[in-house]
Amino acid sequence: YPDVDALAGAAAAHARGRLVLTYPQERPFVRAGARVANAMLRLSRSTFRVYVHPVGRIEAVAGAHGLGPATRRRHGLVWESAAFGRA
């Protein structure tokens, strides 16, 4: 989703006690892979795009909704999950 503030913000606003998000890791090779995937998608005339958002931005949006970081785990080379909770 292109607008990380709107997406994470809507999820955080609806979270009662805990919010868990899974997203691509913010690593150079993941970003490069996203650029290649987006080039292929453009060539195939697909409107779908891949986004790798800054993790700090996701954390800031969650924090603005009263959610603090609880845990963060990497799953393999590409994916990462973060849990946020209310104080």
PDB file of N, CA and C in Angstrom:
ATOM      1  N   TYR A   1       0.858  -1.167   0.000  1.00  0.00           N
ATOM      2  CA  TYR A   1       0.000   0.000   0.000  1.00  0.00           C
ATOM      3  C   TYR A   1       0.898   1.221   0.000  1.00  0.00           C
ATOM      4  N   PRO A   2       0.683   2.175  -0.858  1.00  0.00           N
ATOM      5  CA  PRO A   2       1.599   3.304  -0.978  1.00  0.00           C
ATOM      6  C   PRO A   2       1.621   4.246   0.233  1.00  0.00           C
ATOM      7  N   ASP A   3       0.523   4.401   0.934  1.00  0.00           N
ATOM      8  CA  ASP A   3       0.443   5.358   2.045  1.00  0.00           C
ATOM      9  C   ASP A   3       0.547   4.628   3.377  1.00  0.00           C
ATOM     10  N   VAL A   4       1.770   4.491   3.866  1.00  0.00           N
ATOM     11  CA  VAL A   4       1.995   3.745   5.109  1.00  0.00           C
ATOM     12  C   VAL A   4       1.325   4.431   6.299  1.00  0.00           C
ATOM     13  N   ASP A   5       1.276   5.750   6.294  1.00  0.00           N
ATOM     14  CA  ASP A   5       0.632   6.467   7.399  1.00  0.00           C
ATOM     15  C   ASP A   5      -0.854   6.114   7.493  1.00  0.00           C
ATOM     16  N   ALA A   6      -1.539   6.105   6.348  1.00  0.00           N
ATOM     17  CA  ALA A   6      -2.968   5.793   6.350  1.00  0.00           C
ATOM     18  C   ALA A   6      -3.215   4.337   6.713  1.00  0.00           C
ATOM     19  N   LEU A   7      -2.428   3.425   6.156  1.00  0.00           N
ATOM     20  CA  LEU A   7      -2.646   2.000   6.401  1.00  0.00           C
ATOM     21  C   LEU A   7      -2.349   1.628   7.849  1.00  0.00           C
ATOM     22  N   ALA A   8      -1.151   1.959   8.322  1.00  0.00           N
ATOM     23  CA  ALA A   8      -0.776   1.625   9.705  1.00  0.00           C
ATOM     24  C   ALA A   8      -1.632   2.426  10.692  1.00  0.00           C
ATOM     25  N   GLY A   9      -1.961   3.660  10.330  1.00  0.00           N
ATOM     26  CA  GLY A   9      -2.796   4.481  11.198  1.00  0.00           C
ATOM     27  C   GLY A   9      -4.193   3.917  11.379  1.00  0.00           C
ATOM     28  N   ALA A  10      -4.790   3.444  10.299  1.00  0.00           N
ATOM     29  CA  ALA A  10      -6.130   2.851  10.392  1.00  0.00           C
ATOM     30  C   ALA A  10      -6.086   1.575  11.231  1.00  0.00           C
ATOM     31  N   ALA A  11      -5.059   0.761  11.019  1.00  0.00           N
ATOM     32  CA  ALA A  11      -4.928  -0.474  11.805  1.00  0.00           C
ATOM     33  C   ALA A  11      -4.728  -0.143  13.283  1.00  0.00           C
ATOM     34  N   ALA A  12      -3.865   0.821  13.568  1.00  0.00           N
ATOM     35  CA  ALA A  12      -3.594   1.200  14.958  1.00  0.00           C
ATOM     36  C   ALA A  12      -4.829   1.801  15.626  1.00  0.00           C
ATOM     37  N   ALA A  13      -5.596   2.572  14.877  1.00  0.00           N
ATOM     38  CA  ALA A  13      -6.800   3.188  15.436  1.00  0.00           C
ATOM     39  C   ALA A  13      -7.848   2.139  15.819  1.00  0.00           C
ATOM     40  N   HIS A  14      -7.870   1.015  15.131  1.00  0.00           N
ATOM     41  CA  HIS A  14      -8.832  -0.041  15.416  1.00  0.00           C
ATOM     42  C   HIS A  14      -8.326  -1.067  16.431  1.00  0.00           C
ATOM     43  N   ALA A  15      -7.037  -1.018  16.749  1.00  0.00           N
ATOM     44  CA  ALA A  15      -6.470  -1.994  17.691  1.00  0.00           C
ATOM     45  C   ALA A  15      -6.931  -1.680  19.105  1.00  0.00           C
ATOM     46  N   ARG A  16      -7.422  -2.698  19.788  1.00  0.00           N
ATOM     47  CA  ARG A  16      -7.874  -2.494  21.170  1.00  0.00           C
ATOM     48  C   ARG A  16      -6.716  -2.566  22.153  1.00  0.00           C
ATOM     49  N   GLY A  17      -5.881  -3.592  22.012  1.00  0.00           N
ATOM     50  CA  GLY A  17      -4.771  -3.727  22.958  1.00  0.00           C
ATOM     51  C   GLY A  17      -3.457  -4.030  22.306  1.00  0.00           C
ATOM     52  N   ARG A  18      -3.501  -4.718  21.173  1.00  0.00           N
ATOM     53  CA  ARG A  18      -2.280  -5.135  20.506  1.00  0.00           C
ATOM     54  C   ARG A  18      -2.467  -5.060  18.997  1.00  0.00           C
ATOM     55  N   LEU A  19      -1.392  -4.686  18.317  1.00  0.00           N
ATOM     56  CA  LEU A  19      -1.371  -4.624  16.866  1.00  0.00           C
ATOM     57  C   LEU A  19      -0.154  -5.397  16.385  1.00  0.00           C
ATOM     58  N   VAL A  20      -0.349  -6.321  15.448  1.00  0.00           N
ATOM     59  CA  VAL A  20       0.755  -7.079  14.865  1.00  0.00           C
ATOM     60  C   VAL A  20       0.752  -6.829  13.361  1.00  0.00           C
ATOM     61  N   LEU A  21       1.903  -6.409  12.852  1.00  0.00           N
ATOM     62  CA  LEU A  21       2.052  -6.130  11.424  1.00  0.00           C
ATOM     63  C   LEU A  21       3.180  -6.979  10.855  1.00  0.00           C
ATOM     64  N   THR A  22       3.021  -7.438   9.632  1.00  0.00           N
ATOM     65  CA  THR A  22       4.075  -8.141   8.914  1.00  0.00           C
ATOM     66  C   THR A  22       4.349  -7.366   7.638  1.00  0.00           C
ATOM     67  N   TYR A  23       5.629  -7.132   7.356  1.00  0.00           N
ATOM     68  CA  TYR A  23       6.022  -6.287   6.238  1.00  0.00           C
ATOM     69  C   TYR A  23       7.404  -6.712   5.743  1.00  0.00           C
ATOM     70  N   PRO A  24       7.794  -6.266   4.538  1.00  0.00           N
ATOM     71  CA  PRO A  24       9.126  -6.584   4.046  1.00  0.00           C
ATOM     72  C   PRO A  24      10.192  -5.887   4.899  1.00  0.00           C
ATOM     73  N   GLN A  25      11.297  -6.586   5.119  1.00  0.00           N
ATOM     74  CA  GLN A  25      12.396  -6.004   5.884  1.00  0.00           C
ATOM     75  C   GLN A  25      12.996  -4.822   5.118  1.00  0.00           C
ATOM     76  N   GLU A  26      13.499  -3.869   5.872  1.00  0.00           N
ATOM     77  CA  GLU A  26      14.112  -2.680   5.286  1.00  0.00           C
ATOM     78  C   GLU A  26      15.608  -2.968   5.087  1.00  0.00           C
ATOM     79  N   ARG A  27      15.912  -3.726   4.030  1.00  0.00           N
ATOM     80  CA  ARG A  27      17.292  -4.104   3.701  1.00  0.00           C
ATOM     81  C   ARG A  27      17.556  -3.734   2.241  1.00  0.00           C
ATOM     82  N   PRO A  28      18.800  -3.426   1.916  1.00  0.00           N
ATOM     83  CA  PRO A  28      19.110  -3.031   0.538  1.00  0.00           C
ATOM     84  C   PRO A  28      18.678  -4.062  -0.507  1.00  0.00           C
ATOM     85  N   PHE A  29      18.920  -5.355  -0.262  1.00  0.00           N
ATOM     86  CA  PHE A  29      18.552  -6.344  -1.276  1.00  0.00           C
ATOM     87  C   PHE A  29      17.039  -6.526  -1.381  1.00  0.00           C
ATOM     88  N   VAL A  30      16.305  -6.262  -0.301  1.00  0.00           N
ATOM     89  CA  VAL A  30      14.838  -6.325  -0.369  1.00  0.00           C
ATOM     90  C   VAL A  30      14.326  -5.137  -1.191  1.00  0.00           C
ATOM     91  N   ARG A  31      14.911  -3.967  -0.968  1.00  0.00           N
ATOM     92  CA  ARG A  31      14.530  -2.794  -1.756  1.00  0.00           C
ATOM     93  C   ARG A  31      14.848  -3.006  -3.240  1.00  0.00           C
ATOM     94  N   ALA A  32      16.018  -3.591  -3.519  1.00  0.00           N
ATOM     95  CA  ALA A  32      16.386  -3.875  -4.910  1.00  0.00           C
ATOM     96  C   ALA A  32      15.404  -4.869  -5.530  1.00  0.00           C
ATOM     97  N   GLY A  33      15.033  -5.882  -4.784  1.00  0.00           N
ATOM     98  CA  GLY A  33      14.052  -6.852  -5.271  1.00  0.00           C
ATOM     99  C   GLY A  33      12.710  -6.208  -5.549  1.00  0.00           C
ATOM    100  N   ALA A  34      12.317  -5.266  -4.705  1.00  0.00           N
ATOM    101  CA  ALA A  34      11.049  -4.557  -4.914  1.00  0.00           C
ATOM    102  C   ALA A  34      11.108  -3.725  -6.189  1.00  0.00           C
ATOM    103  N   ARG A  35      12.259  -3.094  -6.448  1.00  0.00           N
ATOM    104  CA  ARG A  35      12.405  -2.312  -7.689  1.00  0.00           C
ATOM    105  C   ARG A  35      12.304  -3.210  -8.919  1.00  0.00           C
ATOM    106  N   VAL A  36      12.942  -4.372  -8.857  1.00  0.00           N
ATOM    107  CA  VAL A  36      12.867  -5.325  -9.978  1.00  0.00           C
ATOM    108  C   VAL A  36      11.427  -5.814 -10.157  1.00  0.00           C
ATOM    109  N   ALA A  37      10.779  -6.169  -9.052  1.00  0.00           N
ATOM    110  CA  ALA A  37       9.386  -6.637  -9.129  1.00  0.00           C
ATOM    111  C   ALA A  37       8.484  -5.558  -9.714  1.00  0.00           C
ATOM    112  N   ASN A  38       8.681  -4.311  -9.298  1.00  0.00           N
ATOM    113  CA  ASN A  38       7.850  -3.224  -9.817  1.00  0.00           C
ATOM    114  C   ASN A  38       8.099  -2.981 -11.299  1.00  0.00           C
ATOM    115  N   ALA A  39       9.352  -3.145 -11.754  1.00  0.00           N
ATOM    116  CA  ALA A  39       9.652  -3.006 -13.181  1.00  0.00           C
ATOM    117  C   ALA A  39       8.923  -4.092 -13.985  1.00  0.00           C
ATOM    118  N   MET A  40       8.948  -5.308 -13.466  1.00  0.00           N
ATOM    119  CA  MET A  40       8.254  -6.415 -14.137  1.00  0.00           C
ATOM    120  C   MET A  40       6.736  -6.164 -14.153  1.00  0.00           C
ATOM    121  N   LEU A  41       6.209  -5.664 -13.051  1.00  0.00           N
ATOM    122  CA  LEU A  41       4.780  -5.374 -12.981  1.00  0.00           C
ATOM    123  C   LEU A  41       4.391  -4.282 -13.978  1.00  0.00           C
ATOM    124  N   ARG A  42       5.247  -3.257 -14.103  1.00  0.00           N
ATOM    125  CA  ARG A  42       4.974  -2.196 -15.078  1.00  0.00           C
ATOM    126  C   ARG A  42       4.972  -2.756 -16.504  1.00  0.00           C
ATOM    127  N   LEU A  43       5.954  -3.619 -16.790  1.00  0.00           N
ATOM    128  CA  LEU A  43       6.032  -4.227 -18.127  1.00  0.00           C
ATOM    129  C   LEU A  43       4.807  -5.082 -18.445  1.00  0.00           C
ATOM    130  N   SER A  44       4.260  -5.717 -17.424  1.00  0.00           N
ATOM    131  CA  SER A  44       3.070  -6.551 -17.640  1.00  0.00           C
ATOM    132  C   SER A  44       1.779  -5.737 -17.557  1.00  0.00           C
ATOM    133  N   ARG A  45       1.931  -4.425 -17.391  1.00  0.00           N
ATOM    134  CA  ARG A  45       0.806  -3.482 -17.320  1.00  0.00           C
ATOM    135  C   ARG A  45      -0.090  -3.685 -16.098  1.00  0.00           C
ATOM    136  N   SER A  46       0.474  -4.277 -15.072  1.00  0.00           N
ATOM    137  CA  SER A  46      -0.261  -4.439 -13.820  1.00  0.00           C
ATOM    138  C   SER A  46      -0.189  -3.138 -13.037  1.00  0.00           C
ATOM    139  N   THR A  47      -1.236  -2.811 -12.338  1.00  0.00           N
ATOM    140  CA  THR A  47      -1.226  -1.607 -11.497  1.00  0.00           C
ATOM    141  C   THR A  47      -0.750  -1.913 -10.076  1.00  0.00           C
ATOM    142  N   PHE A  48      -0.579  -3.199  -9.760  1.00  0.00           N
ATOM    143  CA  PHE A  48      -0.089  -3.586  -8.432  1.00  0.00           C
ATOM    144  C   PHE A  48       1.366  -3.158  -8.300  1.00  0.00           C
ATOM    145  N   ARG A  49       1.765  -2.691  -7.108  1.00  0.00           N
ATOM    146  CA  ARG A  49       3.152  -2.324  -6.828  1.00  0.00           C
ATOM    147  C   ARG A  49       3.549  -2.877  -5.468  1.00  0.00           C
ATOM    148  N   VAL A  50       4.858  -3.062  -5.309  1.00  0.00           N
ATOM    149  CA  VAL A  50       5.446  -3.549  -4.069  1.00  0.00           C
ATOM    150  C   VAL A  50       6.057  -2.347  -3.356  1.00  0.00           C
ATOM    151  N   TYR A  51       5.865  -2.257  -2.044  1.00  0.00           N
ATOM    152  CA  TYR A  51       6.410  -1.148  -1.259  1.00  0.00           C
ATOM    153  C   TYR A  51       7.222  -1.685  -0.094  1.00  0.00           C
ATOM    154  N   VAL A  52       8.335  -1.034   0.179  1.00  0.00           N
ATOM    155  CA  VAL A  52       9.148  -1.330   1.362  1.00  0.00           C
ATOM    156  C   VAL A  52       9.224  -0.013   2.138  1.00  0.00           C
ATOM    157  N   HIS A  53       8.435   0.083   3.199  1.00  0.00           N
ATOM    158  CA  HIS A  53       8.367   1.317   3.978  1.00  0.00           C
ATOM    159  C   HIS A  53       9.405   1.315   5.097  1.00  0.00           C
ATOM    160  N   PRO A  54       9.874   2.493   5.489  1.00  0.00           N
ATOM    161  CA  PRO A  54      10.808   2.573   6.618  1.00  0.00           C
ATOM    162  C   PRO A  54      10.143   2.078   7.908  1.00  0.00           C
ATOM    163  N   VAL A  55      10.828   1.183   8.595  1.00  0.00           N
ATOM    164  CA  VAL A  55      10.287   0.624   9.841  1.00  0.00           C
ATOM    165  C   VAL A  55      10.076   1.738  10.875  1.00  0.00           C
ATOM    166  N   GLY A  56      10.970   2.697  10.899  1.00  0.00           N
ATOM    167  CA  GLY A  56      10.823   3.820  11.828  1.00  0.00           C
ATOM    168  C   GLY A  56       9.526   4.582  11.616  1.00  0.00           C
ATOM    169  N   ARG A  57       9.093   4.678  10.377  1.00  0.00           N
ATOM    170  CA  ARG A  57       7.829   5.361  10.069  1.00  0.00           C
ATOM    171  C   ARG A  57       6.640   4.558  10.592  1.00  0.00           C
ATOM    172  N   ILE A  58       6.698   3.244  10.420  1.00  0.00           N
ATOM    173  CA  ILE A  58       5.632   2.374  10.926  1.00  0.00           C
ATOM    174  C   ILE A  58       5.548   2.504  12.445  1.00  0.00           C
ATOM    175  N   GLU A  59       6.695   2.490  13.108  1.00  0.00           N
ATOM    176  CA  GLU A  59       6.736   2.626  14.571  1.00  0.00           C
ATOM    177  C   GLU A  59       6.202   3.983  15.011  1.00  0.00           C
ATOM    178  N   ALA A  60       6.535   5.032  14.269  1.00  0.00           N
ATOM    179  CA  ALA A  60       6.061   6.378  14.618  1.00  0.00           C
ATOM    180  C   ALA A  60       4.540   6.482  14.509  1.00  0.00           C
ATOM    181  N   VAL A  61       3.981   5.895  13.463  1.00  0.00           N
ATOM    182  CA  VAL A  61       2.522   5.927  13.286  1.00  0.00           C
ATOM    183  C   VAL A  61       1.840   5.164  14.420  1.00  0.00           C
ATOM    184  N   ALA A  62       2.367   3.981  14.748  1.00  0.00           N
ATOM    185  CA  ALA A  62       1.795   3.208  15.864  1.00  0.00           C
ATOM    186  C   ALA A  62       1.895   4.006  17.167  1.00  0.00           C
ATOM    187  N   GLY A  63       3.041   4.635  17.383  1.00  0.00           N
ATOM    188  CA  GLY A  63       3.248   5.439  18.589  1.00  0.00           C
ATOM    189  C   GLY A  63       2.294   6.614  18.679  1.00  0.00           C
ATOM    190  N   ALA A  64       1.979   7.226  17.544  1.00  0.00           N
ATOM    191  CA  ALA A  64       1.039   8.352  17.530  1.00  0.00           C
ATOM    192  C   ALA A  64      -0.365   7.919  17.929  1.00  0.00           C
ATOM    193  N   HIS A  65      -0.633   6.616  17.861  1.00  0.00           N
ATOM    194  CA  HIS A  65      -1.935   6.074  18.265  1.00  0.00           C
ATOM    195  C   HIS A  65      -1.863   5.392  19.633  1.00  0.00           C
ATOM    196  N   GLY A  66      -0.809   5.674  20.386  1.00  0.00           N
ATOM    197  CA  GLY A  66      -0.695   5.145  21.746  1.00  0.00           C
ATOM    198  C   GLY A  66      -0.190   3.720  21.844  1.00  0.00           C
ATOM    199  N   LEU A  67       0.435   3.214  20.784  1.00  0.00           N
ATOM    200  CA  LEU A  67       0.952   1.850  20.789  1.00  0.00           C
ATOM    201  C   LEU A  67       2.479   1.875  20.822  1.00  0.00           C
ATOM    202  N   GLY A  68       3.033   1.169  21.781  1.00  0.00           N
ATOM    203  CA  GLY A  68       4.483   1.093  21.895  1.00  0.00           C
ATOM    204  C   GLY A  68       4.999  -0.240  21.398  1.00  0.00           C
ATOM    205  N   PRO A  69       6.271  -0.278  20.972  1.00  0.00           N
ATOM    206  CA  PRO A  69       6.835  -1.530  20.471  1.00  0.00           C
ATOM    207  C   PRO A  69       6.922  -2.601  21.557  1.00  0.00           C
ATOM    208  N   ALA A  70       6.505  -3.816  21.228  1.00  0.00           N
ATOM    209  CA  ALA A  70       6.585  -4.943  22.162  1.00  0.00           C
ATOM    210  C   ALA A  70       7.641  -5.933  21.690  1.00  0.00           C
ATOM    211  N   THR A  71       7.499  -6.440  20.473  1.00  0.00           N
ATOM    212  CA  THR A  71       8.492  -7.361  19.913  1.00  0.00           C
ATOM    213  C   THR A  71       8.641  -7.101  18.417  1.00  0.00           C
ATOM    214  N   ARG A  72       9.792  -7.505  17.915  1.00  0.00           N
ATOM    215  CA  ARG A  72      10.060  -7.408  16.481  1.00  0.00           C
ATOM    216  C   ARG A  72      10.888  -8.618  16.086  1.00  0.00           C
ATOM    217  N   ARG A  73      10.448  -9.353  15.067  1.00  0.00           N
ATOM    218  CA  ARG A  73      11.148 -10.575  14.655  1.00  0.00           C
ATOM    219  C   ARG A  73      11.262 -10.642  13.142  1.00  0.00           C
ATOM    220  N   ARG A  74      12.421 -11.077  12.694  1.00  0.00           N
ATOM    221  CA  ARG A  74      12.627 -11.329  11.269  1.00  0.00           C
ATOM    222  C   ARG A  74      12.277 -12.771  10.967  1.00  0.00           C
ATOM    223  N   HIS A  75      11.652 -12.984   9.811  1.00  0.00           N
ATOM    224  CA  HIS A  75      11.266 -14.318   9.359  1.00  0.00           C
ATOM    225  C   HIS A  75      11.960 -14.555   8.020  1.00  0.00           C
ATOM    226  N   GLY A  76      13.062 -15.250   8.046  1.00  0.00           N
ATOM    227  CA  GLY A  76      13.803 -15.488   6.813  1.00  0.00           C
ATOM    228  C   GLY A  76      14.501 -14.226   6.338  1.00  0.00           C
ATOM    229  N   LEU A  77      14.701 -14.142   5.025  1.00  0.00           N
ATOM    230  CA  LEU A  77      15.448 -13.025   4.450  1.00  0.00           C
ATOM    231  C   LEU A  77      14.596 -11.830   4.066  1.00  0.00           C
ATOM    232  N   VAL A  78      13.293 -12.004   3.945  1.00  0.00           N
ATOM    233  CA  VAL A  78      12.459 -10.931   3.412  1.00  0.00           C
ATOM    234  C   VAL A  78      11.485 -10.344   4.425  1.00  0.00           C
ATOM    235  N   TRP A  79      10.804 -11.169   5.189  1.00  0.00           N
ATOM    236  CA  TRP A  79       9.698 -10.686   6.019  1.00  0.00           C
ATOM    237  C   TRP A  79      10.106 -10.400   7.461  1.00  0.00           C
ATOM    238  N   GLU A  80       9.372  -9.502   8.064  1.00  0.00           N
ATOM    239  CA  GLU A  80       9.565  -9.109   9.462  1.00  0.00           C
ATOM    240  C   GLU A  80       8.188  -8.847  10.068  1.00  0.00           C
ATOM    241  N   SER A  81       8.037  -9.166  11.346  1.00  0.00           N
ATOM    242  CA  SER A  81       6.790  -8.892  12.066  1.00  0.00           C
ATOM    243  C   SER A  81       7.100  -8.024  13.283  1.00  0.00           C
ATOM    244  N   ALA A  82       6.199  -7.156  13.600  1.00  0.00           N
ATOM    245  CA  ALA A  82       6.333  -6.332  14.799  1.00  0.00           C
ATOM    246  C   ALA A  82       5.012  -6.325  15.538  1.00  0.00           C
ATOM    247  N   ALA A  83       5.105  -6.425  16.849  1.00  0.00           N
ATOM    248  CA  ALA A  83       3.918  -6.337  17.704  1.00  0.00           C
ATOM    249  C   ALA A  83       4.012  -5.043  18.502  1.00  0.00           C
ATOM    250  N   PHE A  84       2.898  -4.375  18.631  1.00  0.00           N
ATOM    251  CA  PHE A  84       2.798  -3.140  19.402  1.00  0.00           C
ATOM    252  C   PHE A  84       1.673  -3.314  20.409  1.00  0.00           C
ATOM    253  N   GLY A  85       1.841  -2.708  21.588  1.00  0.00           N
ATOM    254  CA  GLY A  85       0.814  -2.809  22.605  1.00  0.00           C
ATOM    255  C   GLY A  85       0.509  -1.493  23.252  1.00  0.00           C
ATOM    256  N   ARG A  86      -0.641  -1.425  23.868  1.00  0.00           N
ATOM    257  CA  ARG A  86      -1.021  -0.217  24.611  1.00  0.00           C
ATOM    258  C   ARG A  86      -0.422  -0.284  26.008  1.00  0.00           C
ATOM    259  N   ALA A  87      -0.015   0.840  26.482  1.00  0.00           N
ATOM    260  CA  ALA A  87       0.605   0.908  27.818  1.00  0.00           C
ATOM    261  C   ALA A  87      -0.408   0.733  28.919  1.00  0.00           C
TER     262      ALA A  87
END
